[in-house]
Amino acid sequence: MRFTKMQGAGNDYIYIDARGLSEDWPELSRKMSDRHFGIGGDGIILIMDSQMADLKMRMFNADGSEGEMCGNGIRCFAKYAIEREIADDFGGSLKIETLAGVRTVEPVYEGGSVTGARVAMGAPELRPADIPVALDPAIGGSNSGGPVTGYPLKIEDRELALTFVSMGNPHAVAFVDEPVSGYPLHTVGPKVERHLIFPKRVNFEIVNLNGGDIATARVWERGSGETMACGTGACAIAVAARLHGLNQGPLDINLPGGTLTIEWDGEGEVYLEGPAEEVFSGEWEVS
């Protein structure tokens, strides 16, 4: 089986042209994503035919669970599909089917190669039931319409104030005063991800705001652990910042793997822009 490893701001996935293929994709993702005994990555992404868009993207996390959407992954998906002539950039954009809906991707070119993309990520979902998050009636259960900002959650000795956003997948965003570089994310992250208030688990972002248009963040991704970047997570951060009145224009979010730029006008779709790079290609023996 041919594969290509790609990364967007350090969020790395293994890409497979899965048209006409049938495999145990969750198990394959667990094996291929292993950074010691496999190829190494945050998961696998499949290129498939679509009945409603130009192509269909399926993504599986490193633990084998299937994710609804991946902002960094979809940029690399577009690069892969265009440069291998699986799809043209129809009128300057691609429409890609995901479990979160059809997303429009506008590739960015440099010297004839796709070096990044701008993605229309859809409108954020702020209603708790649709994120989903099960609010404690004693705290915020009556706020069924959303948005929910500053929701208190105690993890060990830490009092978190969370803002809940879905970008097709669930996110809990915490703005913190301590530097995110020293935050014990590997301790706190898994406990937030699997907390009982999140019936489908959750992605967890910790954020420092560095002025009105720059943020620094780290992300604990559901099913993968800490990643170098998270596109949907960056979108959730920008939405949360605007809901708190902390940002009004484009927001540059610095993550360990690079910078993503997010725009949201407070009402419509969220737009994500960032890089897309190919790392290497090879063959995986399928038993």
C-alpha atoms as a PDB file:
ATOM      1  CA  MET A   1       0.000   0.000   0.000  1.00  0.00           C
ATOM      2  CA  ARG A   2       1.429   3.347  -1.056  1.00  0.00           C
ATOM      3  CA  PHE A   3       1.335   6.146   1.509  1.00  0.00           C
ATOM      4  CA  THR A   4       2.529   9.722   1.848  1.00  0.00           C
ATOM      5  CA  LYS A   5       3.285  11.431   5.128  1.00  0.00           C
ATOM      6  CA  MET A   6       2.320  15.119   5.213  1.00  0.00           C
ATOM      7  CA  GLN A   7       2.172  17.819   7.851  1.00  0.00           C
ATOM      8  CA  GLY A   8       0.459  21.140   8.417  1.00  0.00           C
ATOM      9  CA  ALA A   9       2.132  23.203  11.155  1.00  0.00           C
ATOM     10  CA  GLY A  10       3.561  19.973  12.577  1.00  0.00           C
ATOM     11  CA  ASN A  11       0.185  18.178  12.742  1.00  0.00           C
ATOM     12  CA  ASP A  12       1.268  15.086  10.773  1.00  0.00           C
ATOM     13  CA  TYR A  13      -0.878  12.474   9.057  1.00  0.00           C
ATOM     14  CA  ILE A  14      -0.359   9.498   6.781  1.00  0.00           C
ATOM     15  CA  TYR A  15      -2.281   9.851   3.509  1.00  0.00           C
ATOM     16  CA  ILE A  16      -3.638   6.909   1.540  1.00  0.00           C
ATOM     17  CA  ASP A  17      -5.458   6.932  -1.782  1.00  0.00           C
ATOM     18  CA  ALA A  18      -8.218   4.617  -0.554  1.00  0.00           C
ATOM     19  CA  ARG A  19     -10.406   4.691  -3.651  1.00  0.00           C
ATOM     20  CA  GLY A  20     -11.399   1.092  -4.267  1.00  0.00           C
ATOM     21  CA  LEU A  21      -9.644  -0.183  -1.136  1.00  0.00           C
ATOM     22  CA  SER A  22     -11.197  -1.925   1.863  1.00  0.00           C
ATOM     23  CA  GLU A  23      -9.154  -2.316   5.039  1.00  0.00           C
ATOM     24  CA  ASP A  24      -9.576  -2.304   8.793  1.00  0.00           C
ATOM     25  CA  TRP A  25      -8.842   1.410   8.889  1.00  0.00           C
ATOM     26  CA  PRO A  26      -8.961   1.874  12.699  1.00  0.00           C
ATOM     27  CA  GLU A  27      -6.443  -0.940  13.232  1.00  0.00           C
ATOM     28  CA  LEU A  28      -4.294   0.277  10.360  1.00  0.00           C
ATOM     29  CA  SER A  29      -4.245   3.776  11.857  1.00  0.00           C
ATOM     30  CA  ARG A  30      -3.100   2.421  15.222  1.00  0.00           C
ATOM     31  CA  LYS A  31      -0.259   0.487  13.591  1.00  0.00           C
ATOM     32  CA  MET A  32       0.882   3.087  11.061  1.00  0.00           C
ATOM     33  CA  SER A  33       0.696   5.999  13.527  1.00  0.00           C
ATOM     34  CA  ASP A  34       2.965   4.347  16.093  1.00  0.00           C
ATOM     35  CA  ARG A  35       6.100   6.495  16.278  1.00  0.00           C
ATOM     36  CA  HIS A  36       8.324   3.576  17.326  1.00  0.00           C
ATOM     37  CA  PHE A  37       7.005   0.544  15.426  1.00  0.00           C
ATOM     38  CA  GLY A  38       5.169   2.238  12.552  1.00  0.00           C
ATOM     39  CA  ILE A  39       5.562   5.282  10.326  1.00  0.00           C
ATOM     40  CA  GLY A  40       4.633   7.780  13.007  1.00  0.00           C
ATOM     41  CA  GLY A  41       1.849  10.326  12.866  1.00  0.00           C
ATOM     42  CA  ASP A  42      -1.231  11.785  14.511  1.00  0.00           C
ATOM     43  CA  GLY A  43      -3.366   9.412  12.448  1.00  0.00           C
ATOM     44  CA  ILE A  44      -4.247   8.458   8.870  1.00  0.00           C
ATOM     45  CA  ILE A  45      -6.280  10.344   6.286  1.00  0.00           C
ATOM     46  CA  LEU A  46      -8.015   8.597   3.401  1.00  0.00           C
ATOM     47  CA  ILE A  47      -8.746  10.003  -0.052  1.00  0.00           C
ATOM     48  CA  MET A  48     -12.073   8.575  -1.237  1.00  0.00           C
ATOM     49  CA  ASP A  49     -14.729   9.198  -3.883  1.00  0.00           C
ATOM     50  CA  SER A  50     -17.713  11.372  -2.960  1.00  0.00           C
ATOM     51  CA  GLN A  51     -21.274  11.572  -4.226  1.00  0.00           C
ATOM     52  CA  MET A  52     -21.737  15.155  -2.978  1.00  0.00           C
ATOM     53  CA  ALA A  53     -18.347  16.852  -3.402  1.00  0.00           C
ATOM     54  CA  ASP A  54     -15.137  16.636  -5.426  1.00  0.00           C
ATOM     55  CA  LEU A  55     -13.649  14.097  -3.003  1.00  0.00           C
ATOM     56  CA  LYS A  56     -14.283  12.625   0.440  1.00  0.00           C
ATOM     57  CA  MET A  57     -11.879  12.756   3.404  1.00  0.00           C
ATOM     58  CA  ARG A  58     -11.960  10.258   6.253  1.00  0.00           C
ATOM     59  CA  MET A  59      -9.549  10.646   9.148  1.00  0.00           C
ATOM     60  CA  PHE A  60      -8.648   8.246  11.934  1.00  0.00           C
ATOM     61  CA  ASN A  61      -6.754   9.310  15.031  1.00  0.00           C
ATOM     62  CA  ALA A  62      -3.693   7.520  16.324  1.00  0.00           C
ATOM     63  CA  ASP A  63      -5.854   5.481  18.706  1.00  0.00           C
ATOM     64  CA  GLY A  64      -8.056   4.271  15.841  1.00  0.00           C
ATOM     65  CA  SER A  65     -11.060   6.480  16.596  1.00  0.00           C
ATOM     66  CA  GLU A  66     -12.584   8.321  13.649  1.00  0.00           C
ATOM     67  CA  GLY A  67     -12.622  12.105  13.740  1.00  0.00           C
ATOM     68  CA  GLU A  68     -15.218  14.313  12.127  1.00  0.00           C
ATOM     69  CA  MET A  69     -12.874  16.954  10.751  1.00  0.00           C
ATOM     70  CA  CYS A  70      -9.230  18.080  10.722  1.00  0.00           C
ATOM     71  CA  GLY A  71      -8.292  21.605   9.676  1.00  0.00           C
ATOM     72  CA  ASN A  72      -4.591  20.895   9.201  1.00  0.00           C
ATOM     73  CA  GLY A  73      -5.319  17.552   7.581  1.00  0.00           C
ATOM     74  CA  ILE A  74      -7.734  18.954   5.000  1.00  0.00           C
ATOM     75  CA  ARG A  75      -5.151  21.468   3.725  1.00  0.00           C
ATOM     76  CA  CYS A  76      -2.675  18.637   3.116  1.00  0.00           C
ATOM     77  CA  PHE A  77      -5.508  16.574   1.605  1.00  0.00           C
ATOM     78  CA  ALA A  78      -6.011  19.294  -1.023  1.00  0.00           C
ATOM     79  CA  LYS A  79      -2.273  19.437  -1.780  1.00  0.00           C
ATOM     80  CA  TYR A  80      -2.136  15.647  -2.151  1.00  0.00           C
ATOM     81  CA  ALA A  81      -5.187  15.477  -4.422  1.00  0.00           C
ATOM     82  CA  ILE A  82      -4.168  18.379  -6.682  1.00  0.00           C
ATOM     83  CA  GLU A  83      -0.498  17.495  -7.079  1.00  0.00           C
ATOM     84  CA  ARG A  84      -1.297  13.844  -7.849  1.00  0.00           C
ATOM     85  CA  GLU A  85      -4.001  14.946 -10.286  1.00  0.00           C
ATOM     86  CA  ILE A  86      -6.731  13.114  -8.383  1.00  0.00           C
ATOM     87  CA  ALA A  87      -8.644  16.396  -8.491  1.00  0.00           C
ATOM     88  CA  ASP A  88      -8.274  19.791 -10.109  1.00  0.00           C
ATOM     89  CA  ASP A  89      -8.701  22.990  -8.134  1.00  0.00           C
ATOM     90  CA  PHE A  90     -12.135  23.550  -9.664  1.00  0.00           C
ATOM     91  CA  GLY A  91     -12.433  27.293 -10.206  1.00  0.00           C
ATOM     92  CA  GLY A  92      -9.692  27.859  -7.649  1.00  0.00           C
ATOM     93  CA  SER A  93     -11.174  25.686  -4.894  1.00  0.00           C
ATOM     94  CA  LEU A  94     -11.997  22.118  -3.905  1.00  0.00           C
ATOM     95  CA  LYS A  95     -15.119  20.897  -2.163  1.00  0.00           C
ATOM     96  CA  ILE A  96     -14.288  18.070   0.216  1.00  0.00           C
ATOM     97  CA  GLU A  97     -16.813  15.895   2.030  1.00  0.00           C
ATOM     98  CA  THR A  98     -16.108  15.224   5.726  1.00  0.00           C
ATOM     99  CA  LEU A  99     -18.152  13.843   8.608  1.00  0.00           C
ATOM    100  CA  ALA A 100     -18.623  17.474   9.675  1.00  0.00           C
ATOM    101  CA  GLY A 101     -20.056  18.416   6.271  1.00  0.00           C
ATOM    102  CA  VAL A 102     -18.654  19.656   2.956  1.00  0.00           C
ATOM    103  CA  ARG A 103     -15.734  22.061   3.341  1.00  0.00           C
ATOM    104  CA  THR A 104     -14.360  24.411   0.663  1.00  0.00           C
ATOM    105  CA  VAL A 105     -10.571  24.621   0.353  1.00  0.00           C
ATOM    106  CA  GLU A 106      -8.738  27.306  -1.633  1.00  0.00           C
ATOM    107  CA  PRO A 107      -5.153  26.175  -2.327  1.00  0.00           C
ATOM    108  CA  VAL A 108      -2.252  28.609  -2.042  1.00  0.00           C
ATOM    109  CA  TYR A 109       0.447  28.198  -4.703  1.00  0.00           C
ATOM    110  CA  GLU A 110       4.125  29.072  -4.794  1.00  0.00           C
ATOM    111  CA  GLY A 111       6.266  28.164  -7.779  1.00  0.00           C
ATOM    112  CA  GLY A 112       3.627  25.803  -9.151  1.00  0.00           C
ATOM    113  CA  SER A 113       3.313  23.815  -5.915  1.00  0.00           C
ATOM    114  CA  VAL A 114       0.575  23.934  -3.294  1.00  0.00           C
ATOM    115  CA  THR A 115       2.204  25.329  -0.160  1.00  0.00           C
ATOM    116  CA  GLY A 116      -0.878  25.941   1.947  1.00  0.00           C
ATOM    117  CA  ALA A 117      -4.592  26.607   1.816  1.00  0.00           C
ATOM    118  CA  ARG A 118      -7.451  28.703   3.122  1.00  0.00           C
ATOM    119  CA  VAL A 119     -10.357  26.624   4.395  1.00  0.00           C
ATOM    120  CA  ALA A 120     -13.975  27.606   4.975  1.00  0.00           C
ATOM    121  CA  MET A 121     -14.489  25.636   8.179  1.00  0.00           C
ATOM    122  CA  GLY A 122     -18.221  26.180   8.596  1.00  0.00           C
ATOM    123  CA  ALA A 123     -20.034  28.096  11.312  1.00  0.00           C
ATOM    124  CA  PRO A 124     -19.222  27.215  14.926  1.00  0.00           C
ATOM    125  CA  GLU A 125     -21.803  25.282  16.927  1.00  0.00           C
ATOM    126  CA  LEU A 126     -22.356  26.828  20.367  1.00  0.00           C
ATOM    127  CA  ARG A 127     -25.396  24.934  21.653  1.00  0.00           C
ATOM    128  CA  PRO A 128     -24.288  22.562  24.436  1.00  0.00           C
ATOM    129  CA  ALA A 129     -26.420  19.632  23.279  1.00  0.00           C
ATOM    130  CA  ASP A 130     -24.891  19.794  19.808  1.00  0.00           C
ATOM    131  CA  ILE A 131     -21.240  20.164  20.863  1.00  0.00           C
ATOM    132  CA  PRO A 132     -21.971  17.915  22.882  1.00  0.00           C
ATOM    133  CA  VAL A 133     -21.450  18.792  26.538  1.00  0.00           C
ATOM    134  CA  ALA A 134     -23.697  17.775  29.436  1.00  0.00           C
ATOM    135  CA  LEU A 135     -23.893  20.804  31.705  1.00  0.00           C
ATOM    136  CA  ASP A 136     -24.454  20.536  35.423  1.00  0.00           C
ATOM    137  CA  PRO A 137     -27.934  22.008  36.044  1.00  0.00           C
ATOM    138  CA  ALA A 138     -26.604  23.638  39.193  1.00  0.00           C
ATOM    139  CA  ILE A 139     -23.972  25.527  37.183  1.00  0.00           C
ATOM    140  CA  GLY A 140     -25.124  26.169  33.650  1.00  0.00           C
ATOM    141  CA  GLY A 141     -27.661  23.578  32.671  1.00  0.00           C
ATOM    142  CA  SER A 142     -30.290  26.201  31.929  1.00  0.00           C
ATOM    143  CA  ASN A 143     -28.114  27.785  29.251  1.00  0.00           C
ATOM    144  CA  SER A 144     -29.337  25.313  26.627  1.00  0.00           C
ATOM    145  CA  GLY A 145     -29.020  27.761  23.757  1.00  0.00           C
ATOM    146  CA  GLY A 146     -25.369  28.664  24.281  1.00  0.00           C
ATOM    147  CA  PRO A 147     -22.830  30.023  24.090  1.00  0.00           C
ATOM    148  CA  VAL A 148     -21.257  28.713  27.290  1.00  0.00           C
ATOM    149  CA  THR A 149     -18.223  30.715  28.420  1.00  0.00           C
ATOM    150  CA  GLY A 150     -16.153  30.449  31.573  1.00  0.00           C
ATOM    151  CA  TYR A 151     -17.757  27.173  32.677  1.00  0.00           C
ATOM    152  CA  PRO A 152     -16.066  25.985  35.909  1.00  0.00           C
ATOM    153  CA  LEU A 153     -14.488  22.526  35.908  1.00  0.00           C
ATOM    154  CA  LYS A 154     -12.181  21.264  38.624  1.00  0.00           C
ATOM    155  CA  ILE A 155      -9.403  18.885  37.578  1.00  0.00           C
ATOM    156  CA  GLU A 156      -7.375  17.816  40.623  1.00  0.00           C
ATOM    157  CA  ASP A 157      -6.292  21.110  42.224  1.00  0.00           C
ATOM    158  CA  ARG A 158      -6.913  23.232  39.131  1.00  0.00           C
ATOM    159  CA  GLU A 159     -10.005  25.363  38.577  1.00  0.00           C
ATOM    160  CA  LEU A 160     -10.575  25.642  34.840  1.00  0.00           C
ATOM    161  CA  ALA A 161     -12.872  28.159  33.153  1.00  0.00           C
ATOM    162  CA  LEU A 162     -13.940  26.561  29.860  1.00  0.00           C
ATOM    163  CA  THR A 163     -15.620  27.862  26.741  1.00  0.00           C
ATOM    164  CA  PHE A 164     -17.302  25.202  24.606  1.00  0.00           C
ATOM    165  CA  VAL A 165     -17.259  25.248  20.803  1.00  0.00           C
ATOM    166  CA  SER A 166     -17.846  22.639  18.115  1.00  0.00           C
ATOM    167  CA  MET A 167     -16.128  22.982  14.736  1.00  0.00           C
ATOM    168  CA  GLY A 168     -17.686  19.725  13.632  1.00  0.00           C
ATOM    169  CA  ASN A 169     -15.830  18.192  16.580  1.00  0.00           C
ATOM    170  CA  PRO A 170     -16.004  19.222  20.256  1.00  0.00           C
ATOM    171  CA  HIS A 171     -13.595  21.671  21.903  1.00  0.00           C
ATOM    172  CA  ALA A 172     -13.082  23.088  25.384  1.00  0.00           C
ATOM    173  CA  VAL A 173     -10.965  26.266  25.448  1.00  0.00           C
ATOM    174  CA  ALA A 174      -9.250  27.660  28.551  1.00  0.00           C
ATOM    175  CA  PHE A 175      -7.551  31.067  28.613  1.00  0.00           C
ATOM    176  CA  VAL A 176      -4.795  30.926  31.249  1.00  0.00           C
ATOM    177  CA  ASP A 177      -2.403  33.448  32.786  1.00  0.00           C
ATOM    178  CA  GLU A 178       0.504  31.051  33.348  1.00  0.00           C
ATOM    179  CA  PRO A 179       2.726  30.441  30.299  1.00  0.00           C
ATOM    180  CA  VAL A 180       1.324  27.592  28.220  1.00  0.00           C
ATOM    181  CA  SER A 181       4.870  26.321  27.682  1.00  0.00           C
ATOM    182  CA  GLY A 182       5.008  25.126  31.293  1.00  0.00           C
ATOM    183  CA  TYR A 183       1.395  24.009  31.643  1.00  0.00           C
ATOM    184  CA  PRO A 184       1.045  20.325  32.711  1.00  0.00           C
ATOM    185  CA  LEU A 185      -1.022  19.449  29.637  1.00  0.00           C
ATOM    186  CA  HIS A 186      -0.054  15.780  29.678  1.00  0.00           C
ATOM    187  CA  THR A 187      -1.588  15.491  33.152  1.00  0.00           C
ATOM    188  CA  VAL A 188      -4.628  17.735  32.772  1.00  0.00           C
ATOM    189  CA  GLY A 189      -5.383  17.057  29.100  1.00  0.00           C
ATOM    190  CA  PRO A 190      -6.421  13.384  29.302  1.00  0.00           C
ATOM    191  CA  LYS A 191      -8.644  14.078  32.310  1.00  0.00           C
ATOM    192  CA  VAL A 192     -10.463  16.881  30.510  1.00  0.00           C
ATOM    193  CA  GLU A 193     -10.740  14.802  27.317  1.00  0.00           C
ATOM    194  CA  ARG A 194     -12.481  11.939  29.133  1.00  0.00           C
ATOM    195  CA  HIS A 195     -14.457  13.910  31.719  1.00  0.00           C
ATOM    196  CA  LEU A 196     -18.026  12.693  32.156  1.00  0.00           C
ATOM    197  CA  ILE A 197     -19.533  15.979  30.924  1.00  0.00           C
ATOM    198  CA  PHE A 198     -18.216  15.197  27.417  1.00  0.00           C
ATOM    199  CA  PRO A 199     -20.164  12.196  26.067  1.00  0.00           C
ATOM    200  CA  LYS A 200     -18.002  12.044  22.915  1.00  0.00           C
ATOM    201  CA  ARG A 201     -14.813  13.156  24.666  1.00  0.00           C
ATOM    202  CA  VAL A 202     -13.325  16.559  23.823  1.00  0.00           C
ATOM    203  CA  ASN A 203     -10.315  18.413  22.419  1.00  0.00           C
ATOM    204  CA  PHE A 204      -8.748  20.700  25.029  1.00  0.00           C
ATOM    205  CA  GLU A 205      -6.947  23.981  24.274  1.00  0.00           C
ATOM    206  CA  ILE A 206      -4.955  26.139  26.683  1.00  0.00           C
ATOM    207  CA  VAL A 207      -4.269  29.681  25.514  1.00  0.00           C
ATOM    208  CA  ASN A 208      -2.245  32.788  26.336  1.00  0.00           C
ATOM    209  CA  LEU A 209      -3.481  35.944  24.625  1.00  0.00           C
ATOM    210  CA  ASN A 210      -0.555  38.153  23.583  1.00  0.00           C
ATOM    211  CA  GLY A 211      -2.425  41.297  22.640  1.00  0.00           C
ATOM    212  CA  GLY A 212      -5.553  41.585  20.519  1.00  0.00           C
ATOM    213  CA  ASP A 213      -4.413  39.698  17.422  1.00  0.00           C
ATOM    214  CA  ILE A 214      -1.859  37.104  18.608  1.00  0.00           C
ATOM    215  CA  ALA A 215      -2.286  34.034  20.804  1.00  0.00           C
ATOM    216  CA  THR A 216      -0.034  31.207  21.956  1.00  0.00           C
ATOM    217  CA  ALA A 217      -1.613  27.811  22.517  1.00  0.00           C
ATOM    218  CA  ARG A 218      -1.141  24.100  23.068  1.00  0.00           C
ATOM    219  CA  VAL A 219      -3.717  21.431  22.242  1.00  0.00           C
ATOM    220  CA  TRP A 220      -4.580  18.054  23.711  1.00  0.00           C
ATOM    221  CA  GLU A 221      -6.364  16.283  20.851  1.00  0.00           C
ATOM    222  CA  ARG A 222      -9.044  13.700  21.439  1.00  0.00           C
ATOM    223  CA  GLY A 223      -7.645  10.336  20.376  1.00  0.00           C
ATOM    224  CA  SER A 224      -4.080  11.532  19.694  1.00  0.00           C
ATOM    225  CA  GLY A 225      -2.781  13.339  22.782  1.00  0.00           C
ATOM    226  CA  GLU A 226      -0.795  16.559  22.472  1.00  0.00           C
ATOM    227  CA  THR A 227      -0.183  17.524  18.864  1.00  0.00           C
ATOM    228  CA  MET A 228       2.042  20.164  17.303  1.00  0.00           C
ATOM    229  CA  ALA A 229      -1.024  21.994  16.011  1.00  0.00           C
ATOM    230  CA  CYS A 230      -4.780  21.593  15.606  1.00  0.00           C
ATOM    231  CA  GLY A 231      -6.728  23.431  12.907  1.00  0.00           C
ATOM    232  CA  THR A 232     -10.200  22.987  14.379  1.00  0.00           C
ATOM    233  CA  GLY A 233      -8.718  23.803  17.791  1.00  0.00           C
ATOM    234  CA  ALA A 234      -7.277  27.063  16.461  1.00  0.00           C
ATOM    235  CA  CYS A 235     -10.720  27.915  15.078  1.00  0.00           C
ATOM    236  CA  ALA A 236     -12.320  27.162  18.445  1.00  0.00           C
ATOM    237  CA  ILE A 237      -9.768  29.433  20.152  1.00  0.00           C
ATOM    238  CA  ALA A 238     -10.576  32.334  17.829  1.00  0.00           C
ATOM    239  CA  VAL A 239     -14.319  31.848  18.349  1.00  0.00           C
ATOM    240  CA  ALA A 240     -13.862  31.717  22.136  1.00  0.00           C
ATOM    241  CA  ALA A 241     -11.690  34.846  22.103  1.00  0.00           C
ATOM    242  CA  ARG A 242     -14.359  36.787  20.232  1.00  0.00           C
ATOM    243  CA  LEU A 243     -17.123  35.497  22.511  1.00  0.00           C
ATOM    244  CA  HIS A 244     -15.118  36.839  25.471  1.00  0.00           C
ATOM    245  CA  GLY A 245     -14.601  40.202  23.714  1.00  0.00           C
ATOM    246  CA  LEU A 246     -10.842  39.622  23.572  1.00  0.00           C
ATOM    247  CA  ASN A 247     -10.423  39.782  19.794  1.00  0.00           C
ATOM    248  CA  GLN A 248     -12.350  41.274  16.860  1.00  0.00           C
ATOM    249  CA  GLY A 249     -10.209  40.742  13.743  1.00  0.00           C
ATOM    250  CA  PRO A 250      -7.937  38.012  12.348  1.00  0.00           C
ATOM    251  CA  LEU A 251      -6.106  36.063  15.056  1.00  0.00           C
ATOM    252  CA  ASP A 252      -2.633  34.571  14.559  1.00  0.00           C
ATOM    253  CA  ILE A 253      -2.330  31.516  16.783  1.00  0.00           C
ATOM    254  CA  ASN A 254       1.193  30.333  17.526  1.00  0.00           C
ATOM    255  CA  LEU A 255       1.305  26.592  18.183  1.00  0.00           C
ATOM    256  CA  PRO A 256       4.372  24.405  18.772  1.00  0.00           C
ATOM    257  CA  GLY A 257       4.428  23.427  15.083  1.00  0.00           C
ATOM    258  CA  GLY A 258       3.759  26.812  13.510  1.00  0.00           C
ATOM    259  CA  THR A 259       1.268  29.640  13.110  1.00  0.00           C
ATOM    260  CA  LEU A 260      -2.334  29.412  11.902  1.00  0.00           C
ATOM    261  CA  THR A 261      -4.427  32.454  10.988  1.00  0.00           C
ATOM    262  CA  ILE A 262      -8.139  32.423  11.843  1.00  0.00           C
ATOM    263  CA  GLU A 263     -10.882  34.850  10.811  1.00  0.00           C
ATOM    264  CA  TRP A 264     -14.440  34.947  12.146  1.00  0.00           C
ATOM    265  CA  ASP A 265     -16.890  37.815  11.859  1.00  0.00           C
ATOM    266  CA  GLY A 266     -18.910  36.637  14.846  1.00  0.00           C
ATOM    267  CA  GLU A 267     -21.783  35.252  12.782  1.00  0.00           C
ATOM    268  CA  GLY A 268     -20.893  33.165   9.710  1.00  0.00           C
ATOM    269  CA  GLU A 269     -18.191  30.710   8.741  1.00  0.00           C
ATOM    270  CA  VAL A 270     -14.772  30.500  10.343  1.00  0.00           C
ATOM    271  CA  TYR A 271     -11.811  30.708   7.949  1.00  0.00           C
ATOM    272  CA  LEU A 272      -8.508  28.949   8.576  1.00  0.00           C
ATOM    273  CA  GLU A 273      -5.256  29.569   6.698  1.00  0.00           C
ATOM    274  CA  GLY A 274      -1.988  27.716   7.129  1.00  0.00           C
ATOM    275  CA  PRO A 275       0.775  25.668   5.476  1.00  0.00           C
ATOM    276  CA  ALA A 276       0.725  22.210   3.887  1.00  0.00           C
ATOM    277  CA  GLU A 277       3.915  20.213   3.336  1.00  0.00           C
ATOM    278  CA  GLU A 278       4.868  16.757   2.104  1.00  0.00           C
ATOM    279  CA  VAL A 279       7.400  14.867   4.227  1.00  0.00           C
ATOM    280  CA  PHE A 280       8.009  11.559   2.428  1.00  0.00           C
ATOM    281  CA  SER A 281       6.343   8.654   0.614  1.00  0.00           C
ATOM    282  CA  GLY A 282       6.764   4.924   0.870  1.00  0.00           C
ATOM    283  CA  GLU A 283       5.072   1.539   0.933  1.00  0.00           C
ATOM    284  CA  TRP A 284       3.396  -0.272   3.825  1.00  0.00           C
ATOM    285  CA  GLU A 285       3.097  -4.039   3.718  1.00  0.00           C
ATOM    286  CA  VAL A 286      -0.514  -5.069   4.249  1.00  0.00           C
ATOM    287  CA  SER A 287      -0.923  -8.536   5.740  1.00  0.00           C
END
